[in-house]
Amino acid sequence: IITLAWKVSAHMVGMGGLAGAVIGLSVKFSINLQVLIISLLILSGLVGYARLQLSAHTHTQVYFGFLIGLASMLLLIVGV
C-alpha cells in the first residue's frame, strides 16, 4: 500500500507514535495523563494541518500516518 507514489506522513507517524505510547502507558500503569494526551492530540492536529497547508500530503496520507503510529505503539505497549 505504501509506495513512492503514495506516501504516508512520517511527521504524523511520529506524532501518532508519541500519542500511542503515552496512551498505552496510561492504560497499562493506570496513570492519569489526560492533560498530556489532549495536548498531544492538539499538537498532532496542528502538525497535520501544517502538512496539508504545505501540500506535502493528502488528508488520507496524514490520517493514515497518524493511525499507523498510534496503533503500532498501542499494540507494542498494551498488547492484544
PDB file of N, CA and C in Angstrom:
ATOM      1  N   ILE A   1       0.834  -1.200   0.000  1.00  0.00           N
ATOM      2  CA  ILE A   1       0.000   0.000   0.000  1.00  0.00           C
ATOM      3  C   ILE A   1       0.870   1.253   0.000  1.00  0.00           C
ATOM      4  N   ILE A   2       1.956   1.240   0.730  1.00  0.00           N
ATOM      5  CA  ILE A   2       2.808   2.421   0.830  1.00  0.00           C
ATOM      6  C   ILE A   2       3.915   2.301  -0.215  1.00  0.00           C
ATOM      7  N   THR A   3       3.902   3.205  -1.191  1.00  0.00           N
ATOM      8  CA  THR A   3       4.893   3.191  -2.255  1.00  0.00           C
ATOM      9  C   THR A   3       5.513   4.570  -2.385  1.00  0.00           C
ATOM     10  N   LEU A   4       6.384   4.730  -3.372  1.00  0.00           N
ATOM     11  CA  LEU A   4       6.959   6.049  -3.619  1.00  0.00           C
ATOM     12  C   LEU A   4       5.915   7.024  -4.146  1.00  0.00           C
ATOM     13  N   ALA A   5       4.889   6.508  -4.812  1.00  0.00           N
ATOM     14  CA  ALA A   5       3.842   7.371  -5.346  1.00  0.00           C
ATOM     15  C   ALA A   5       2.826   7.767  -4.274  1.00  0.00           C
ATOM     16  N   TRP A   6       2.634   6.913  -3.277  1.00  0.00           N
ATOM     17  CA  TRP A   6       1.671   7.196  -2.212  1.00  0.00           C
ATOM     18  C   TRP A   6       2.388   7.042  -0.888  1.00  0.00           C
ATOM     19  N   LYS A   7       2.696   8.157  -0.256  1.00  0.00           N
ATOM     20  CA  LYS A   7       3.498   8.119   0.963  1.00  0.00           C
ATOM     21  C   LYS A   7       2.688   8.639   2.149  1.00  0.00           C
ATOM     22  N   VAL A   8       2.804   7.940   3.252  1.00  0.00           N
ATOM     23  CA  VAL A   8       2.168   8.438   4.468  1.00  0.00           C
ATOM     24  C   VAL A   8       3.071   9.509   5.060  1.00  0.00           C
ATOM     25  N   SER A   9       2.523  10.343   5.899  1.00  0.00           N
ATOM     26  CA  SER A   9       3.284  11.410   6.525  1.00  0.00           C
ATOM     27  C   SER A   9       4.113  10.861   7.681  1.00  0.00           C
ATOM     28  N   ALA A  10       5.435  10.922   7.531  1.00  0.00           N
ATOM     29  CA  ALA A  10       6.324  10.462   8.601  1.00  0.00           C
ATOM     30  C   ALA A  10       6.181  11.354   9.835  1.00  0.00           C
ATOM     31  N   HIS A  11       5.871  12.630   9.623  1.00  0.00           N
ATOM     32  CA  HIS A  11       5.636  13.522  10.758  1.00  0.00           C
ATOM     33  C   HIS A  11       4.465  13.010  11.596  1.00  0.00           C
ATOM     34  N   MET A  12       3.411  12.587  10.899  1.00  0.00           N
ATOM     35  CA  MET A  12       2.229  12.111  11.612  1.00  0.00           C
ATOM     36  C   MET A  12       2.437  10.728  12.208  1.00  0.00           C
ATOM     37  N   VAL A  13       3.281   9.903  11.587  1.00  0.00           N
ATOM     38  CA  VAL A  13       3.622   8.614  12.199  1.00  0.00           C
ATOM     39  C   VAL A  13       4.305   8.871  13.538  1.00  0.00           C
ATOM     40  N   GLY A  14       5.201   9.853  13.566  1.00  0.00           N
ATOM     41  CA  GLY A  14       5.883  10.202  14.814  1.00  0.00           C
ATOM     42  C   GLY A  14       4.933  10.738  15.873  1.00  0.00           C
ATOM     43  N   MET A  15       4.030  11.622  15.464  1.00  0.00           N
ATOM     44  CA  MET A  15       3.066  12.176  16.421  1.00  0.00           C
ATOM     45  C   MET A  15       2.106  11.097  16.914  1.00  0.00           C
ATOM     46  N   GLY A  16       1.661  10.245  16.006  1.00  0.00           N
ATOM     47  CA  GLY A  16       0.784   9.145  16.400  1.00  0.00           C
ATOM     48  C   GLY A  16       1.487   8.172  17.323  1.00  0.00           C
ATOM     49  N   GLY A  17       2.764   7.913  17.042  1.00  0.00           N
ATOM     50  CA  GLY A  17       3.545   7.019  17.898  1.00  0.00           C
ATOM     51  C   GLY A  17       3.711   7.576  19.295  1.00  0.00           C
ATOM     52  N   LEU A  18       3.982   8.870  19.384  1.00  0.00           N
ATOM     53  CA  LEU A  18       4.122   9.503  20.697  1.00  0.00           C
ATOM     54  C   LEU A  18       2.799   9.462  21.458  1.00  0.00           C
ATOM     55  N   ALA A  19       1.714   9.802  20.775  1.00  0.00           N
ATOM     56  CA  ALA A  19       0.396   9.756  21.418  1.00  0.00           C
ATOM     57  C   ALA A  19       0.046   8.329  21.829  1.00  0.00           C
ATOM     58  N   GLY A  20       0.324   7.374  20.965  1.00  0.00           N
ATOM     59  CA  GLY A  20       0.041   5.976  21.280  1.00  0.00           C
ATOM     60  C   GLY A  20       0.844   5.473  22.460  1.00  0.00           C
ATOM     61  N   ALA A  21       2.100   5.896  22.548  1.00  0.00           N
ATOM     62  CA  ALA A  21       2.944   5.481  23.671  1.00  0.00           C
ATOM     63  C   ALA A  21       2.410   6.037  24.985  1.00  0.00           C
ATOM     64  N   VAL A  22       2.033   7.304  24.981  1.00  0.00           N
ATOM     65  CA  VAL A  22       1.518   7.922  26.207  1.00  0.00           C
ATOM     66  C   VAL A  22       0.182   7.294  26.601  1.00  0.00           C
ATOM     67  N   ILE A  23      -0.693   7.064  25.631  1.00  0.00           N
ATOM     68  CA  ILE A  23      -1.975   6.423  25.927  1.00  0.00           C
ATOM     69  C   ILE A  23      -1.746   5.005  26.440  1.00  0.00           C
ATOM     70  N   GLY A  24      -0.856   4.279  25.788  1.00  0.00           N
ATOM     71  CA  GLY A  24      -0.559   2.911  26.215  1.00  0.00           C
ATOM     72  C   GLY A  24      -0.008   2.843  27.624  1.00  0.00           C
ATOM     73  N   LEU A  25       0.923   3.735  27.952  1.00  0.00           N
ATOM     74  CA  LEU A  25       1.479   3.763  29.305  1.00  0.00           C
ATOM     75  C   LEU A  25       0.421   4.154  30.325  1.00  0.00           C
ATOM     76  N   SER A  26      -0.457   5.078  29.944  1.00  0.00           N
ATOM     77  CA  SER A  26      -1.540   5.491  30.831  1.00  0.00           C
ATOM     78  C   SER A  26      -2.471   4.322  31.139  1.00  0.00           C
ATOM     79  N   VAL A  27      -2.786   3.540  30.124  1.00  0.00           N
ATOM     80  CA  VAL A  27      -3.669   2.385  30.311  1.00  0.00           C
ATOM     81  C   VAL A  27      -2.968   1.285  31.096  1.00  0.00           C
ATOM     82  N   LYS A  28      -1.747   0.963  30.700  1.00  0.00           N
ATOM     83  CA  LYS A  28      -1.036  -0.162  31.304  1.00  0.00           C
ATOM     84  C   LYS A  28      -0.752   0.053  32.788  1.00  0.00           C
ATOM     85  N   PHE A  29      -0.372   1.275  33.153  1.00  0.00           N
ATOM     86  CA  PHE A  29       0.004   1.545  34.538  1.00  0.00           C
ATOM     87  C   PHE A  29      -1.045   2.346  35.309  1.00  0.00           C
ATOM     88  N   SER A  30      -2.226   2.519  34.743  1.00  0.00           N
ATOM     89  CA  SER A  30      -3.334   3.250  35.377  1.00  0.00           C
ATOM     90  C   SER A  30      -2.898   4.620  35.883  1.00  0.00           C
ATOM     91  N   ILE A  31      -2.258   5.370  34.994  1.00  0.00           N
ATOM     92  CA  ILE A  31      -1.808   6.723  35.313  1.00  0.00           C
ATOM     93  C   ILE A  31      -2.737   7.702  34.600  1.00  0.00           C
ATOM     94  N   ASN A  32      -3.143   8.758  35.289  1.00  0.00           N
ATOM     95  CA  ASN A  32      -3.990   9.772  34.674  1.00  0.00           C
ATOM     96  C   ASN A  32      -3.107  10.768  33.921  1.00  0.00           C
ATOM     97  N   LEU A  33      -3.039  10.616  32.607  1.00  0.00           N
ATOM     98  CA  LEU A  33      -2.258  11.515  31.759  1.00  0.00           C
ATOM     99  C   LEU A  33      -3.163  12.263  30.784  1.00  0.00           C
ATOM    100  N   GLN A  34      -4.368  12.547  31.240  1.00  0.00           N
ATOM    101  CA  GLN A  34      -5.388  13.138  30.383  1.00  0.00           C
ATOM    102  C   GLN A  34      -4.944  14.468  29.769  1.00  0.00           C
ATOM    103  N   VAL A  35      -4.335  15.341  30.548  1.00  0.00           N
ATOM    104  CA  VAL A  35      -3.906  16.645  30.036  1.00  0.00           C
ATOM    105  C   VAL A  35      -2.821  16.467  28.979  1.00  0.00           C
ATOM    106  N   LEU A  36      -1.870  15.576  29.226  1.00  0.00           N
ATOM    107  CA  LEU A  36      -0.804  15.314  28.264  1.00  0.00           C
ATOM    108  C   LEU A  36      -1.362  14.709  26.978  1.00  0.00           C
ATOM    109  N   ILE A  37      -2.293  13.789  27.104  1.00  0.00           N
ATOM    110  CA  ILE A  37      -2.887  13.143  25.929  1.00  0.00           C
ATOM    111  C   ILE A  37      -3.646  14.163  25.086  1.00  0.00           C
ATOM    112  N   ILE A  38      -4.444  15.001  25.733  1.00  0.00           N
ATOM    113  CA  ILE A  38      -5.186  16.032  25.000  1.00  0.00           C
ATOM    114  C   ILE A  38      -4.223  17.002  24.327  1.00  0.00           C
ATOM    115  N   SER A  39      -3.159  17.381  25.023  1.00  0.00           N
ATOM    116  CA  SER A  39      -2.155  18.277  24.443  1.00  0.00           C
ATOM    117  C   SER A  39      -1.498  17.651  23.219  1.00  0.00           C
ATOM    118  N   LEU A  40      -1.172  16.367  23.303  1.00  0.00           N
ATOM    119  CA  LEU A  40      -0.557  15.676  22.166  1.00  0.00           C
ATOM    120  C   LEU A  40      -1.513  15.578  20.984  1.00  0.00           C
ATOM    121  N   LEU A  41      -2.787  15.365  21.250  1.00  0.00           N
ATOM    122  CA  LEU A  41      -3.759  15.298  20.161  1.00  0.00           C
ATOM    123  C   LEU A  41      -3.915  16.654  19.482  1.00  0.00           C
ATOM    124  N   ILE A  42      -3.890  17.725  20.264  1.00  0.00           N
ATOM    125  CA  ILE A  42      -3.961  19.069  19.684  1.00  0.00           C
ATOM    126  C   ILE A  42      -2.714  19.351  18.851  1.00  0.00           C
ATOM    127  N   LEU A  43      -1.539  19.017  19.385  1.00  0.00           N
ATOM    128  CA  LEU A  43      -0.298  19.208  18.629  1.00  0.00           C
ATOM    129  C   LEU A  43      -0.283  18.364  17.358  1.00  0.00           C
ATOM    130  N   SER A  44      -0.817  17.159  17.440  1.00  0.00           N
ATOM    131  CA  SER A  44      -0.899  16.298  16.255  1.00  0.00           C
ATOM    132  C   SER A  44      -1.779  16.941  15.191  1.00  0.00           C
ATOM    133  N   GLY A  45      -2.871  17.526  15.624  1.00  0.00           N
ATOM    134  CA  GLY A  45      -3.744  18.225  14.687  1.00  0.00           C
ATOM    135  C   GLY A  45      -3.047  19.394  14.020  1.00  0.00           C
ATOM    136  N   LEU A  46      -2.246  20.121  14.786  1.00  0.00           N
ATOM    137  CA  LEU A  46      -1.504  21.251  14.220  1.00  0.00           C
ATOM    138  C   LEU A  46      -0.454  20.789  13.218  1.00  0.00           C
ATOM    139  N   VAL A  47       0.239  19.712  13.537  1.00  0.00           N
ATOM    140  CA  VAL A  47       1.236  19.168  12.608  1.00  0.00           C
ATOM    141  C   VAL A  47       0.549  18.679  11.334  1.00  0.00           C
ATOM    142  N   GLY A  48      -0.562  17.975  11.487  1.00  0.00           N
ATOM    143  CA  GLY A  48      -1.308  17.504  10.324  1.00  0.00           C
ATOM    144  C   GLY A  48      -1.804  18.656   9.466  1.00  0.00           C
ATOM    145  N   TYR A  49      -2.290  19.705  10.104  1.00  0.00           N
ATOM    146  CA  TYR A  49      -2.752  20.889   9.387  1.00  0.00           C
ATOM    147  C   TYR A  49      -1.606  21.526   8.604  1.00  0.00           C
ATOM    148  N   ALA A  50      -0.438  21.599   9.223  1.00  0.00           N
ATOM    149  CA  ALA A  50       0.727  22.172   8.548  1.00  0.00           C
ATOM    150  C   ALA A  50       1.114  21.346   7.325  1.00  0.00           C
ATOM    151  N   ARG A  51       1.076  20.019   7.453  1.00  0.00           N
ATOM    152  CA  ARG A  51       1.424  19.146   6.317  1.00  0.00           C
ATOM    153  C   ARG A  51       0.435  19.348   5.173  1.00  0.00           C
ATOM    154  N   LEU A  52      -0.834  19.548   5.511  1.00  0.00           N
ATOM    155  CA  LEU A  52      -1.834  19.772   4.474  1.00  0.00           C
ATOM    156  C   LEU A  52      -1.673  21.145   3.832  1.00  0.00           C
ATOM    157  N   GLN A  53      -1.395  22.163   4.632  1.00  0.00           N
ATOM    158  CA  GLN A  53      -1.223  23.510   4.096  1.00  0.00           C
ATOM    159  C   GLN A  53      -0.007  23.619   3.187  1.00  0.00           C
ATOM    160  N   LEU A  54       1.019  22.827   3.469  1.00  0.00           N
ATOM    161  CA  LEU A  54       2.214  22.813   2.625  1.00  0.00           C
ATOM    162  C   LEU A  54       2.026  21.951   1.380  1.00  0.00           C
ATOM    163  N   SER A  55       0.857  21.329   1.268  1.00  0.00           N
ATOM    164  CA  SER A  55       0.548  20.404   0.172  1.00  0.00           C
ATOM    165  C   SER A  55       1.568  19.279   0.074  1.00  0.00           C
ATOM    166  N   ALA A  56       2.088  18.870   1.220  1.00  0.00           N
ATOM    167  CA  ALA A  56       3.058  17.778   1.263  1.00  0.00           C
ATOM    168  C   ALA A  56       2.362  16.427   1.226  1.00  0.00           C
ATOM    169  N   HIS A  57       1.103  16.378   1.671  1.00  0.00           N
ATOM    170  CA  HIS A  57       0.352  15.129   1.749  1.00  0.00           C
ATOM    171  C   HIS A  57      -1.125  15.402   1.529  1.00  0.00           C
ATOM    172  N   THR A  58      -1.852  14.326   1.253  1.00  0.00           N
ATOM    173  CA  THR A  58      -3.312  14.409   1.182  1.00  0.00           C
ATOM    174  C   THR A  58      -3.878  14.129   2.577  1.00  0.00           C
ATOM    175  N   HIS A  59      -5.164  14.364   2.726  1.00  0.00           N
ATOM    176  CA  HIS A  59      -5.820  14.081   4.007  1.00  0.00           C
ATOM    177  C   HIS A  59      -5.637  12.616   4.397  1.00  0.00           C
ATOM    178  N   THR A  60      -5.828  11.735   3.444  1.00  0.00           N
ATOM    179  CA  THR A  60      -5.722  10.301   3.718  1.00  0.00           C
ATOM    180  C   THR A  60      -4.325   9.927   4.183  1.00  0.00           C
ATOM    181  N   GLN A  61      -3.304  10.493   3.569  1.00  0.00           N
ATOM    182  CA  GLN A  61      -1.926  10.192   3.947  1.00  0.00           C
ATOM    183  C   GLN A  61      -1.623  10.679   5.357  1.00  0.00           C
ATOM    184  N   VAL A  62      -2.165  11.826   5.713  1.00  0.00           N
ATOM    185  CA  VAL A  62      -1.962  12.373   7.061  1.00  0.00           C
ATOM    186  C   VAL A  62      -2.669  11.497   8.093  1.00  0.00           C
ATOM    187  N   TYR A  63      -3.934  11.172   7.851  1.00  0.00           N
ATOM    188  CA  TYR A  63      -4.689  10.344   8.796  1.00  0.00           C
ATOM    189  C   TYR A  63      -4.081   8.952   8.926  1.00  0.00           C
ATOM    190  N   PHE A  64      -3.722   8.361   7.788  1.00  0.00           N
ATOM    191  CA  PHE A  64      -3.165   7.009   7.804  1.00  0.00           C
ATOM    192  C   PHE A  64      -1.827   6.985   8.546  1.00  0.00           C
ATOM    193  N   GLY A  65      -1.010   8.025   8.355  1.00  0.00           N
ATOM    194  CA  GLY A  65       0.260   8.110   9.071  1.00  0.00           C
ATOM    195  C   GLY A  65       0.055   8.154  10.574  1.00  0.00           C
ATOM    196  N   PHE A  66      -0.890   8.983  11.018  1.00  0.00           N
ATOM    197  CA  PHE A  66      -1.174   9.071  12.447  1.00  0.00           C
ATOM    198  C   PHE A  66      -1.659   7.730  12.989  1.00  0.00           C
ATOM    199  N   LEU A  67      -2.547   7.081  12.267  1.00  0.00           N
ATOM    200  CA  LEU A  67      -3.095   5.798  12.728  1.00  0.00           C
ATOM    201  C   LEU A  67      -2.038   4.700  12.777  1.00  0.00           C
ATOM    202  N   ILE A  68      -1.104   4.697  11.832  1.00  0.00           N
ATOM    203  CA  ILE A  68      -0.019   3.706  11.857  1.00  0.00           C
ATOM    204  C   ILE A  68       0.814   3.877  13.127  1.00  0.00           C
ATOM    205  N   GLY A  69       1.199   5.116  13.420  1.00  0.00           N
ATOM    206  CA  GLY A  69       1.994   5.374  14.618  1.00  0.00           C
ATOM    207  C   GLY A  69       1.239   5.055  15.893  1.00  0.00           C
ATOM    208  N   LEU A  70      -0.008   5.486  15.967  1.00  0.00           N
ATOM    209  CA  LEU A  70      -0.832   5.257  17.154  1.00  0.00           C
ATOM    210  C   LEU A  70      -1.028   3.765  17.403  1.00  0.00           C
ATOM    211  N   ALA A  71      -1.446   3.048  16.380  1.00  0.00           N
ATOM    212  CA  ALA A  71      -1.740   1.621  16.538  1.00  0.00           C
ATOM    213  C   ALA A  71      -0.491   0.816  16.870  1.00  0.00           C
ATOM    214  N   SER A  72       0.618   1.138  16.223  1.00  0.00           N
ATOM    215  CA  SER A  72       1.831   0.350  16.469  1.00  0.00           C
ATOM    216  C   SER A  72       2.315   0.504  17.908  1.00  0.00           C
ATOM    217  N   MET A  73       2.279   1.707  18.444  1.00  0.00           N
ATOM    218  CA  MET A  73       2.738   1.904  19.818  1.00  0.00           C
ATOM    219  C   MET A  73       1.743   1.345  20.829  1.00  0.00           C
ATOM    220  N   LEU A  74       0.456   1.493  20.562  1.00  0.00           N
ATOM    221  CA  LEU A  74      -0.538   0.909  21.467  1.00  0.00           C
ATOM    222  C   LEU A  74      -0.392  -0.607  21.527  1.00  0.00           C
ATOM    223  N   LEU A  75      -0.231  -1.234  20.370  1.00  0.00           N
ATOM    224  CA  LEU A  75      -0.066  -2.689  20.345  1.00  0.00           C
ATOM    225  C   LEU A  75       1.229  -3.116  21.013  1.00  0.00           C
ATOM    226  N   LEU A  76       2.274  -2.337  20.840  1.00  0.00           N
ATOM    227  CA  LEU A  76       3.559  -2.670  21.444  1.00  0.00           C
ATOM    228  C   LEU A  76       3.495  -2.596  22.970  1.00  0.00           C
ATOM    229  N   ILE A  77       2.872  -1.561  23.492  1.00  0.00           N
ATOM    230  CA  ILE A  77       2.866  -1.343  24.941  1.00  0.00           C
ATOM    231  C   ILE A  77       1.758  -2.132  25.637  1.00  0.00           C
ATOM    232  N   VAL A  78       0.541  -2.042  25.126  1.00  0.00           N
ATOM    233  CA  VAL A  78      -0.593  -2.692  25.782  1.00  0.00           C
ATOM    234  C   VAL A  78      -0.702  -4.153  25.365  1.00  0.00           C
ATOM    235  N   GLY A  79      -0.424  -4.448  24.108  1.00  0.00           N
ATOM    236  CA  GLY A  79      -0.566  -5.809  23.603  1.00  0.00           C
ATOM    237  C   GLY A  79      -2.005  -6.102  23.242  1.00  0.00           C
ATOM    238  N   VAL A  80      -2.214  -7.291  22.767  1.00  0.00           N
ATOM    239  CA  VAL A  80      -3.570  -7.670  22.343  1.00  0.00           C
ATOM    240  C   VAL A  80      -4.101  -8.767  23.233  1.00  0.00           C
TER     241      VAL A  80
END
